[in-house]
Amino acid sequence: MATLSETVTHLGREADSLRHGPYGVIETSNGRFERVRLRRWPKFASLGGTLLLGKWRHHWSKADRCQLFYDQPRNHANYLAIKFIVSGKGTSYRTFRRALETLDEIARIKQTDALLCELATWRISREMMARWGWEPHLVGRWRRHYIRRFYGAYPPRPAWLEEHLG
């Protein structure tokens, strides 16, 4: 179990901490992986808070920074759920992708079967999710749930991650 302040800065050397930490925050900035902060408890988010505070924060944040909060549900230990992503107007696509690529690596370390998420923004299209390897899951009229299945077949590591692990 993660301590209150455990921080992982090297995905290879500190893989054991990642393997056993059920909750975390991936932090990327300026197109680079910075750290994973492991948490003792899951992060709770409400749709109202996400829509109200998220819109305000996104508008005013000029930094090229992204935080991806993930949980490993106790009843479904073979899955990782993206709880929410915090970004701003200044967040670049590269910085956002680094966070997702880092989550893929954490899934590989944990031998996770799939990633799950619910989209609260309509700015991300179904086509974009498909391009990134996600497919609709639990299709509903107002809720947009997606799944990215691995079942042991993980995507190839990007070059930056190979260098980081080397």
N, C-alpha and C. Protein backbone atom coordinates (compact mmCIF):
# COMPACT_ATOMS: atom_id res chain seq x y z
N MET A 1 0.86 -1.19 0.00
CA MET A 1 0.00 0.00 0.00
C MET A 1 0.89 1.23 0.00
N ALA A 2 0.50 2.21 -0.75
CA ALA A 2 1.28 3.44 -0.86
C ALA A 2 1.23 4.23 0.45
N THR A 3 2.34 4.91 0.73
CA THR A 3 2.33 5.81 1.87
C THR A 3 1.61 7.08 1.45
N LEU A 4 1.41 7.99 2.39
CA LEU A 4 0.68 9.21 2.07
C LEU A 4 1.38 10.07 1.04
N SER A 5 2.71 9.98 0.97
CA SER A 5 3.43 10.90 0.09
C SER A 5 4.34 10.20 -0.91
N GLU A 6 4.03 8.97 -1.29
CA GLU A 6 4.92 8.24 -2.19
C GLU A 6 4.84 8.80 -3.60
N THR A 7 6.02 9.09 -4.16
CA THR A 7 6.12 9.64 -5.50
C THR A 7 7.02 8.75 -6.34
N VAL A 8 6.58 8.42 -7.54
CA VAL A 8 7.35 7.59 -8.47
C VAL A 8 7.82 8.48 -9.61
N THR A 9 9.14 8.53 -9.81
CA THR A 9 9.69 9.33 -10.91
C THR A 9 10.35 8.47 -11.98
N HIS A 10 10.57 7.18 -11.69
CA HIS A 10 11.15 6.27 -12.68
C HIS A 10 10.26 5.03 -12.77
N LEU A 11 9.60 4.86 -13.90
CA LEU A 11 8.62 3.79 -14.05
C LEU A 11 9.24 2.40 -13.99
N GLY A 12 10.50 2.28 -14.37
CA GLY A 12 11.17 0.98 -14.35
C GLY A 12 11.66 0.60 -12.96
N ARG A 13 12.48 1.46 -12.37
CA ARG A 13 13.07 1.17 -11.06
C ARG A 13 12.02 1.11 -9.95
N GLU A 14 10.94 1.84 -10.09
CA GLU A 14 9.93 1.90 -9.04
C GLU A 14 8.64 1.18 -9.44
N ALA A 15 8.78 0.21 -10.33
CA ALA A 15 7.61 -0.53 -10.83
C ALA A 15 6.87 -1.25 -9.71
N ASP A 16 7.59 -1.72 -8.70
CA ASP A 16 6.93 -2.44 -7.61
C ASP A 16 5.96 -1.55 -6.85
N SER A 17 6.33 -0.29 -6.65
CA SER A 17 5.42 0.66 -5.98
C SER A 17 4.17 0.86 -6.82
N LEU A 18 4.35 0.99 -8.14
CA LEU A 18 3.20 1.17 -9.03
C LEU A 18 2.32 -0.08 -9.04
N ARG A 19 2.95 -1.23 -9.01
CA ARG A 19 2.21 -2.50 -9.06
C ARG A 19 1.27 -2.63 -7.86
N HIS A 20 1.69 -2.12 -6.71
CA HIS A 20 0.91 -2.30 -5.49
C HIS A 20 0.08 -1.08 -5.09
N GLY A 21 0.28 0.05 -5.74
CA GLY A 21 -0.50 1.25 -5.42
C GLY A 21 -1.79 1.30 -6.22
N PRO A 22 -2.95 1.21 -5.57
CA PRO A 22 -4.20 1.15 -6.32
C PRO A 22 -4.71 2.49 -6.85
N TYR A 23 -4.21 3.59 -6.29
CA TYR A 23 -4.72 4.91 -6.69
C TYR A 23 -3.53 5.82 -6.99
N GLY A 24 -3.66 6.62 -8.04
CA GLY A 24 -2.55 7.50 -8.38
C GLY A 24 -2.94 8.67 -9.25
N VAL A 25 -1.99 9.60 -9.36
CA VAL A 25 -2.12 10.77 -10.22
C VAL A 25 -0.88 10.82 -11.09
N ILE A 26 -1.08 10.74 -12.40
CA ILE A 26 0.02 10.88 -13.35
C ILE A 26 0.15 12.36 -13.67
N GLU A 27 1.36 12.90 -13.53
CA GLU A 27 1.60 14.31 -13.82
C GLU A 27 2.57 14.44 -14.98
N THR A 28 2.15 15.19 -15.99
CA THR A 28 3.00 15.49 -17.13
C THR A 28 3.00 16.99 -17.35
N SER A 29 4.09 17.50 -17.91
CA SER A 29 4.13 18.92 -18.25
C SER A 29 5.14 19.15 -19.37
N ASN A 30 4.86 20.15 -20.17
CA ASN A 30 5.74 20.52 -21.28
C ASN A 30 6.13 19.31 -22.14
N GLY A 31 5.18 18.42 -22.36
CA GLY A 31 5.41 17.25 -23.22
C GLY A 31 6.22 16.14 -22.58
N ARG A 32 6.45 16.21 -21.25
CA ARG A 32 7.29 15.22 -20.57
C ARG A 32 6.56 14.59 -19.38
N PHE A 33 6.92 13.35 -19.13
CA PHE A 33 6.47 12.68 -17.90
C PHE A 33 7.22 13.30 -16.73
N GLU A 34 6.49 13.64 -15.68
CA GLU A 34 7.12 14.21 -14.48
C GLU A 34 7.15 13.20 -13.34
N ARG A 35 5.97 12.68 -12.97
CA ARG A 35 5.89 11.79 -11.81
C ARG A 35 4.52 11.13 -11.75
N VAL A 36 4.45 10.11 -10.91
CA VAL A 36 3.17 9.52 -10.50
C VAL A 36 3.13 9.66 -8.98
N ARG A 37 2.13 10.33 -8.50
CA ARG A 37 1.91 10.44 -7.05
C ARG A 37 0.91 9.37 -6.65
N LEU A 38 1.36 8.44 -5.83
CA LEU A 38 0.46 7.38 -5.36
C LEU A 38 -0.35 7.89 -4.19
N ARG A 39 -1.60 7.50 -4.15
CA ARG A 39 -2.54 7.98 -3.13
C ARG A 39 -3.04 6.80 -2.31
N ARG A 40 -3.38 7.08 -1.07
CA ARG A 40 -3.94 6.04 -0.20
C ARG A 40 -5.41 5.79 -0.49
N TRP A 41 -6.11 6.83 -0.93
CA TRP A 41 -7.56 6.74 -1.15
C TRP A 41 -7.90 7.16 -2.57
N PRO A 42 -9.03 6.68 -3.07
CA PRO A 42 -9.43 7.08 -4.42
C PRO A 42 -9.83 8.55 -4.46
N LYS A 43 -9.76 9.13 -5.63
CA LYS A 43 -10.19 10.51 -5.84
C LYS A 43 -11.65 10.46 -6.26
N PHE A 44 -12.47 11.23 -5.58
CA PHE A 44 -13.89 11.28 -5.93
C PHE A 44 -14.16 12.55 -6.72
N ALA A 45 -14.97 12.41 -7.73
CA ALA A 45 -15.33 13.56 -8.57
C ALA A 45 -16.82 13.50 -8.83
N SER A 46 -17.43 14.66 -8.92
CA SER A 46 -18.85 14.72 -9.26
C SER A 46 -18.99 15.33 -10.64
N LEU A 47 -20.03 14.96 -11.34
CA LEU A 47 -20.25 15.52 -12.67
C LEU A 47 -20.45 17.03 -12.59
N GLY A 48 -21.20 17.48 -11.58
CA GLY A 48 -21.42 18.92 -11.41
C GLY A 48 -20.12 19.67 -11.17
N GLY A 49 -19.30 19.13 -10.28
CA GLY A 49 -18.01 19.76 -9.99
C GLY A 49 -17.10 19.77 -11.20
N THR A 50 -17.13 18.67 -11.94
CA THR A 50 -16.30 18.59 -13.15
C THR A 50 -16.75 19.63 -14.17
N LEU A 51 -18.05 19.73 -14.38
CA LEU A 51 -18.55 20.67 -15.38
C LEU A 51 -18.35 22.12 -14.97
N LEU A 52 -18.59 22.44 -13.70
CA LEU A 52 -18.47 23.83 -13.24
C LEU A 52 -17.02 24.24 -13.00
N LEU A 53 -16.33 23.53 -12.11
CA LEU A 53 -14.96 23.90 -11.79
C LEU A 53 -14.00 23.57 -12.92
N GLY A 54 -14.25 22.45 -13.60
CA GLY A 54 -13.38 22.06 -14.70
C GLY A 54 -13.35 23.09 -15.82
N LYS A 55 -14.51 23.60 -16.17
CA LYS A 55 -14.60 24.61 -17.23
C LYS A 55 -13.85 25.88 -16.82
N TRP A 56 -14.02 26.30 -15.57
CA TRP A 56 -13.34 27.50 -15.08
C TRP A 56 -11.83 27.29 -15.07
N ARG A 57 -11.39 26.15 -14.52
CA ARG A 57 -9.96 25.88 -14.44
C ARG A 57 -9.34 25.76 -15.83
N HIS A 58 -10.03 25.08 -16.73
CA HIS A 58 -9.51 24.92 -18.09
C HIS A 58 -9.33 26.28 -18.76
N HIS A 59 -10.27 27.16 -18.56
CA HIS A 59 -10.21 28.49 -19.19
C HIS A 59 -9.04 29.31 -18.66
N TRP A 60 -8.80 29.28 -17.35
CA TRP A 60 -7.81 30.16 -16.74
C TRP A 60 -6.41 29.58 -16.65
N SER A 61 -6.26 28.28 -16.76
CA SER A 61 -4.94 27.67 -16.64
C SER A 61 -4.17 27.78 -17.95
N LYS A 62 -3.05 28.47 -17.91
CA LYS A 62 -2.24 28.67 -19.12
C LYS A 62 -1.05 27.70 -19.19
N ALA A 63 -0.81 26.95 -18.12
CA ALA A 63 0.35 26.05 -18.06
C ALA A 63 0.16 24.84 -18.97
N ASP A 64 1.27 24.35 -19.52
CA ASP A 64 1.28 23.13 -20.32
C ASP A 64 1.44 21.97 -19.34
N ARG A 65 0.33 21.59 -18.72
CA ARG A 65 0.35 20.63 -17.63
C ARG A 65 -0.89 19.75 -17.69
N CYS A 66 -0.73 18.48 -17.30
CA CYS A 66 -1.86 17.55 -17.28
C CYS A 66 -1.73 16.65 -16.06
N GLN A 67 -2.85 16.40 -15.40
CA GLN A 67 -2.92 15.45 -14.29
C GLN A 67 -4.00 14.44 -14.62
N LEU A 68 -3.64 13.16 -14.58
CA LEU A 68 -4.59 12.09 -14.86
C LEU A 68 -4.75 11.27 -13.57
N PHE A 69 -5.95 11.28 -13.00
CA PHE A 69 -6.26 10.54 -11.78
C PHE A 69 -6.81 9.17 -12.18
N TYR A 70 -6.22 8.11 -11.63
CA TYR A 70 -6.70 6.76 -11.93
C TYR A 70 -6.91 5.97 -10.64
N ASP A 71 -7.79 4.98 -10.72
CA ASP A 71 -8.08 4.08 -9.59
C ASP A 71 -8.06 2.65 -10.09
N GLN A 72 -7.72 1.75 -9.19
CA GLN A 72 -7.85 0.32 -9.45
C GLN A 72 -8.96 -0.16 -8.51
N PRO A 73 -10.19 -0.31 -9.03
CA PRO A 73 -11.32 -0.66 -8.15
C PRO A 73 -11.06 -1.96 -7.38
N ARG A 74 -11.39 -1.97 -6.11
CA ARG A 74 -11.15 -3.14 -5.26
C ARG A 74 -11.86 -4.39 -5.79
N ASN A 75 -13.08 -4.24 -6.27
CA ASN A 75 -13.86 -5.39 -6.74
C ASN A 75 -13.48 -5.82 -8.15
N HIS A 76 -12.68 -5.02 -8.83
CA HIS A 76 -12.28 -5.33 -10.21
C HIS A 76 -10.80 -5.02 -10.35
N ALA A 77 -9.96 -5.81 -9.69
CA ALA A 77 -8.53 -5.54 -9.62
C ALA A 77 -7.82 -5.64 -10.97
N ASN A 78 -8.45 -6.23 -11.97
CA ASN A 78 -7.82 -6.35 -13.29
C ASN A 78 -8.11 -5.16 -14.19
N TYR A 79 -8.70 -4.12 -13.65
CA TYR A 79 -9.04 -2.94 -14.44
C TYR A 79 -8.49 -1.68 -13.78
N LEU A 80 -8.22 -0.69 -14.60
CA LEU A 80 -7.89 0.65 -14.12
C LEU A 80 -8.94 1.59 -14.67
N ALA A 81 -9.40 2.49 -13.83
CA ALA A 81 -10.41 3.46 -14.24
C ALA A 81 -9.80 4.86 -14.21
N ILE A 82 -9.97 5.59 -15.31
CA ILE A 82 -9.58 7.00 -15.32
C ILE A 82 -10.70 7.74 -14.61
N LYS A 83 -10.39 8.34 -13.47
CA LYS A 83 -11.41 9.08 -12.71
C LYS A 83 -11.67 10.43 -13.35
N PHE A 84 -10.60 11.16 -13.61
CA PHE A 84 -10.74 12.40 -14.38
C PHE A 84 -9.36 12.92 -14.75
N ILE A 85 -9.35 13.85 -15.69
CA ILE A 85 -8.12 14.47 -16.18
C ILE A 85 -8.25 15.96 -15.99
N VAL A 86 -7.22 16.57 -15.41
CA VAL A 86 -7.18 18.01 -15.21
C VAL A 86 -6.19 18.59 -16.21
N SER A 87 -6.67 19.49 -17.05
CA SER A 87 -5.81 20.17 -18.02
C SER A 87 -6.28 21.61 -18.13
N GLY A 88 -5.51 22.39 -18.86
CA GLY A 88 -5.87 23.79 -19.03
C GLY A 88 -5.77 24.20 -20.48
N LYS A 89 -6.08 25.44 -20.71
CA LYS A 89 -6.03 26.00 -22.06
C LYS A 89 -4.63 25.86 -22.66
N GLY A 90 -3.61 25.91 -21.81
CA GLY A 90 -2.23 25.82 -22.28
C GLY A 90 -1.69 24.41 -22.42
N THR A 91 -2.49 23.40 -22.09
CA THR A 91 -2.02 22.02 -22.18
C THR A 91 -1.91 21.60 -23.64
N SER A 92 -0.73 21.12 -24.02
CA SER A 92 -0.50 20.69 -25.40
C SER A 92 -0.99 19.25 -25.58
N TYR A 93 -1.22 18.89 -26.83
CA TYR A 93 -1.62 17.52 -27.16
C TYR A 93 -0.54 16.55 -26.71
N ARG A 94 0.71 16.92 -26.91
CA ARG A 94 1.84 16.06 -26.53
C ARG A 94 1.84 15.77 -25.02
N THR A 95 1.59 16.78 -24.22
CA THR A 95 1.54 16.61 -22.77
C THR A 95 0.39 15.69 -22.38
N PHE A 96 -0.76 15.87 -23.01
CA PHE A 96 -1.93 15.02 -22.77
C PHE A 96 -1.63 13.57 -23.14
N ARG A 97 -1.02 13.35 -24.30
CA ARG A 97 -0.70 12.00 -24.77
C ARG A 97 0.32 11.32 -23.85
N ARG A 98 1.27 12.09 -23.30
CA ARG A 98 2.26 11.51 -22.36
C ARG A 98 1.55 10.90 -21.15
N ALA A 99 0.52 11.58 -20.68
CA ALA A 99 -0.24 11.05 -19.54
C ALA A 99 -0.91 9.73 -19.91
N LEU A 100 -1.52 9.66 -21.09
CA LEU A 100 -2.17 8.42 -21.53
C LEU A 100 -1.16 7.30 -21.77
N GLU A 101 -0.01 7.64 -22.35
CA GLU A 101 1.04 6.64 -22.59
C GLU A 101 1.59 6.11 -21.26
N THR A 102 1.69 6.99 -20.28
CA THR A 102 2.15 6.57 -18.95
C THR A 102 1.13 5.62 -18.32
N LEU A 103 -0.15 5.91 -18.50
CA LEU A 103 -1.19 5.02 -17.98
C LEU A 103 -1.10 3.65 -18.66
N ASP A 104 -0.82 3.62 -19.95
CA ASP A 104 -0.63 2.34 -20.64
C ASP A 104 0.50 1.54 -20.00
N GLU A 105 1.59 2.23 -19.65
CA GLU A 105 2.73 1.55 -19.03
C GLU A 105 2.37 1.04 -17.63
N ILE A 106 1.61 1.82 -16.88
CA ILE A 106 1.17 1.36 -15.56
C ILE A 106 0.27 0.13 -15.72
N ALA A 107 -0.58 0.13 -16.74
CA ALA A 107 -1.43 -1.04 -17.01
C ALA A 107 -0.56 -2.26 -17.33
N ARG A 108 0.52 -2.05 -18.07
CA ARG A 108 1.44 -3.14 -18.41
C ARG A 108 2.11 -3.67 -17.12
N ILE A 109 2.57 -2.76 -16.27
CA ILE A 109 3.24 -3.14 -15.01
C ILE A 109 2.28 -3.93 -14.12
N LYS A 110 1.03 -3.49 -14.03
CA LYS A 110 0.03 -4.14 -13.18
C LYS A 110 -0.61 -5.36 -13.85
N GLN A 111 -0.29 -5.60 -15.14
CA GLN A 111 -0.93 -6.66 -15.91
C GLN A 111 -2.45 -6.49 -15.93
N THR A 112 -2.87 -5.26 -16.16
CA THR A 112 -4.28 -4.89 -16.20
C THR A 112 -4.93 -5.40 -17.49
N ASP A 113 -6.16 -5.88 -17.39
CA ASP A 113 -6.88 -6.36 -18.57
C ASP A 113 -7.43 -5.23 -19.43
N ALA A 114 -7.86 -4.14 -18.79
CA ALA A 114 -8.48 -3.06 -19.57
C ALA A 114 -8.47 -1.75 -18.77
N LEU A 115 -8.63 -0.66 -19.52
CA LEU A 115 -8.80 0.68 -18.95
C LEU A 115 -10.25 1.09 -19.18
N LEU A 116 -10.81 1.81 -18.23
CA LEU A 116 -12.19 2.29 -18.34
C LEU A 116 -12.24 3.79 -18.10
N CYS A 117 -13.17 4.46 -18.78
CA CYS A 117 -13.37 5.89 -18.52
C CYS A 117 -14.78 6.29 -18.92
N GLU A 118 -15.21 7.40 -18.37
CA GLU A 118 -16.47 8.02 -18.77
C GLU A 118 -16.14 9.44 -19.21
N LEU A 119 -16.51 9.79 -20.43
CA LEU A 119 -16.24 11.13 -20.94
C LEU A 119 -17.31 12.10 -20.48
N ALA A 120 -16.88 13.22 -19.92
CA ALA A 120 -17.82 14.26 -19.49
C ALA A 120 -17.80 15.44 -20.45
N THR A 121 -16.91 15.41 -21.43
CA THR A 121 -16.83 16.49 -22.41
C THR A 121 -17.22 15.97 -23.79
N TRP A 122 -17.88 16.81 -24.54
CA TRP A 122 -18.27 16.45 -25.91
C TRP A 122 -17.21 16.86 -26.91
N ARG A 123 -16.11 17.47 -26.43
CA ARG A 123 -15.03 17.89 -27.33
C ARG A 123 -14.21 16.71 -27.82
N ILE A 124 -14.31 15.58 -27.13
CA ILE A 124 -13.60 14.38 -27.55
C ILE A 124 -14.61 13.48 -28.26
N SER A 125 -14.36 13.23 -29.52
CA SER A 125 -15.33 12.49 -30.34
C SER A 125 -15.12 10.98 -30.23
N ARG A 126 -16.13 10.26 -30.67
CA ARG A 126 -16.06 8.80 -30.74
C ARG A 126 -14.93 8.36 -31.68
N GLU A 127 -14.75 9.10 -32.77
CA GLU A 127 -13.69 8.78 -33.73
C GLU A 127 -12.30 8.95 -33.11
N MET A 128 -12.14 10.00 -32.32
CA MET A 128 -10.86 10.24 -31.66
C MET A 128 -10.57 9.12 -30.66
N MET A 129 -11.57 8.73 -29.91
CA MET A 129 -11.38 7.63 -28.96
C MET A 129 -11.01 6.34 -29.69
N ALA A 130 -11.65 6.08 -30.83
CA ALA A 130 -11.34 4.88 -31.61
C ALA A 130 -9.89 4.93 -32.10
N ARG A 131 -9.44 6.09 -32.53
CA ARG A 131 -8.06 6.25 -32.99
C ARG A 131 -7.06 5.92 -31.88
N TRP A 132 -7.42 6.21 -30.65
CA TRP A 132 -6.55 5.94 -29.50
C TRP A 132 -6.73 4.53 -28.95
N GLY A 133 -7.59 3.72 -29.57
CA GLY A 133 -7.77 2.34 -29.15
C GLY A 133 -8.90 2.09 -28.17
N TRP A 134 -9.79 3.06 -28.00
CA TRP A 134 -10.92 2.93 -27.08
C TRP A 134 -12.18 2.60 -27.87
N GLU A 135 -13.08 1.85 -27.25
CA GLU A 135 -14.36 1.54 -27.88
C GLU A 135 -15.49 1.80 -26.90
N PRO A 136 -16.70 2.09 -27.41
CA PRO A 136 -17.84 2.35 -26.52
C PRO A 136 -18.12 1.14 -25.63
N HIS A 137 -18.54 1.43 -24.41
CA HIS A 137 -18.81 0.39 -23.41
C HIS A 137 -19.99 0.88 -22.58
N LEU A 138 -20.96 0.03 -22.32
CA LEU A 138 -22.17 0.43 -21.58
C LEU A 138 -22.81 1.65 -22.24
N VAL A 139 -23.13 1.51 -23.49
CA VAL A 139 -23.67 2.62 -24.28
C VAL A 139 -24.99 3.09 -23.69
N GLY A 140 -25.09 4.40 -23.49
CA GLY A 140 -26.30 5.02 -22.97
C GLY A 140 -26.56 6.34 -23.69
N ARG A 141 -27.70 6.91 -23.44
CA ARG A 141 -28.06 8.14 -24.13
C ARG A 141 -27.23 9.33 -23.67
N TRP A 142 -27.03 9.47 -22.36
CA TRP A 142 -26.35 10.65 -21.84
C TRP A 142 -24.95 10.36 -21.33
N ARG A 143 -24.65 9.13 -21.06
CA ARG A 143 -23.34 8.80 -20.49
C ARG A 143 -22.50 8.13 -21.54
N ARG A 144 -21.24 8.52 -21.59
CA ARG A 144 -20.33 8.02 -22.62
C ARG A 144 -19.20 7.23 -21.96
N HIS A 145 -19.40 5.94 -21.80
CA HIS A 145 -18.41 5.05 -21.19
C HIS A 145 -17.58 4.41 -22.30
N TYR A 146 -16.27 4.32 -22.06
CA TYR A 146 -15.36 3.70 -23.02
C TYR A 146 -14.46 2.70 -22.31
N ILE A 147 -13.97 1.74 -23.10
CA ILE A 147 -13.06 0.72 -22.59
C ILE A 147 -11.91 0.55 -23.59
N ARG A 148 -10.74 0.30 -23.05
CA ARG A 148 -9.56 0.00 -23.87
C ARG A 148 -9.04 -1.34 -23.38
N ARG A 149 -9.24 -2.38 -24.17
CA ARG A 149 -8.93 -3.74 -23.76
C ARG A 149 -7.48 -4.10 -24.11
N PHE A 150 -6.83 -4.85 -23.21
CA PHE A 150 -5.46 -5.33 -23.45
C PHE A 150 -5.43 -6.86 -23.43
N TYR A 151 -5.86 -7.46 -22.31
CA TYR A 151 -5.83 -8.91 -22.10
C TYR A 151 -4.48 -9.49 -22.49
N GLY A 152 -3.41 -8.84 -21.99
CA GLY A 152 -2.05 -9.32 -22.21
C GLY A 152 -1.37 -8.78 -23.45
N ALA A 153 -2.09 -8.16 -24.37
CA ALA A 153 -1.51 -7.60 -25.61
C ALA A 153 -1.46 -6.08 -25.48
N TYR A 154 -0.35 -5.57 -24.99
CA TYR A 154 -0.21 -4.13 -24.75
C TYR A 154 0.37 -3.45 -25.97
N PRO A 155 0.05 -2.17 -26.15
CA PRO A 155 0.60 -1.45 -27.31
C PRO A 155 2.11 -1.30 -27.17
N PRO A 156 2.82 -1.13 -28.29
CA PRO A 156 4.26 -0.94 -28.20
C PRO A 156 4.59 0.33 -27.41
N ARG A 157 5.69 0.28 -26.69
CA ARG A 157 6.11 1.46 -25.93
C ARG A 157 6.59 2.55 -26.87
N PRO A 158 6.21 3.80 -26.61
CA PRO A 158 6.74 4.90 -27.42
C PRO A 158 8.23 5.09 -27.14
N ALA A 159 8.94 5.74 -28.05
CA ALA A 159 10.40 5.92 -27.95
C ALA A 159 10.80 6.61 -26.65
N TRP A 160 10.05 7.64 -26.24
CA TRP A 160 10.43 8.36 -25.02
C TRP A 160 10.40 7.45 -23.81
N LEU A 161 9.48 6.49 -23.80
CA LEU A 161 9.35 5.59 -22.67
C LEU A 161 10.47 4.55 -22.67
N GLU A 162 10.85 4.08 -23.84
CA GLU A 162 11.99 3.15 -23.95
C GLU A 162 13.25 3.81 -23.39
N GLU A 163 13.46 5.09 -23.73
CA GLU A 163 14.62 5.83 -23.22
C GLU A 163 14.53 6.00 -21.71
N HIS A 164 13.33 6.31 -21.22
CA HIS A 164 13.12 6.51 -19.78
C HIS A 164 13.41 5.23 -19.00
N LEU A 165 13.01 4.10 -19.54
CA LEU A 165 13.19 2.82 -18.86
C LEU A 165 14.61 2.29 -18.98
N GLY A 166 15.35 2.74 -20.00
CA GLY A 166 16.71 2.23 -20.26
C GLY A 166 17.75 2.67 -19.29
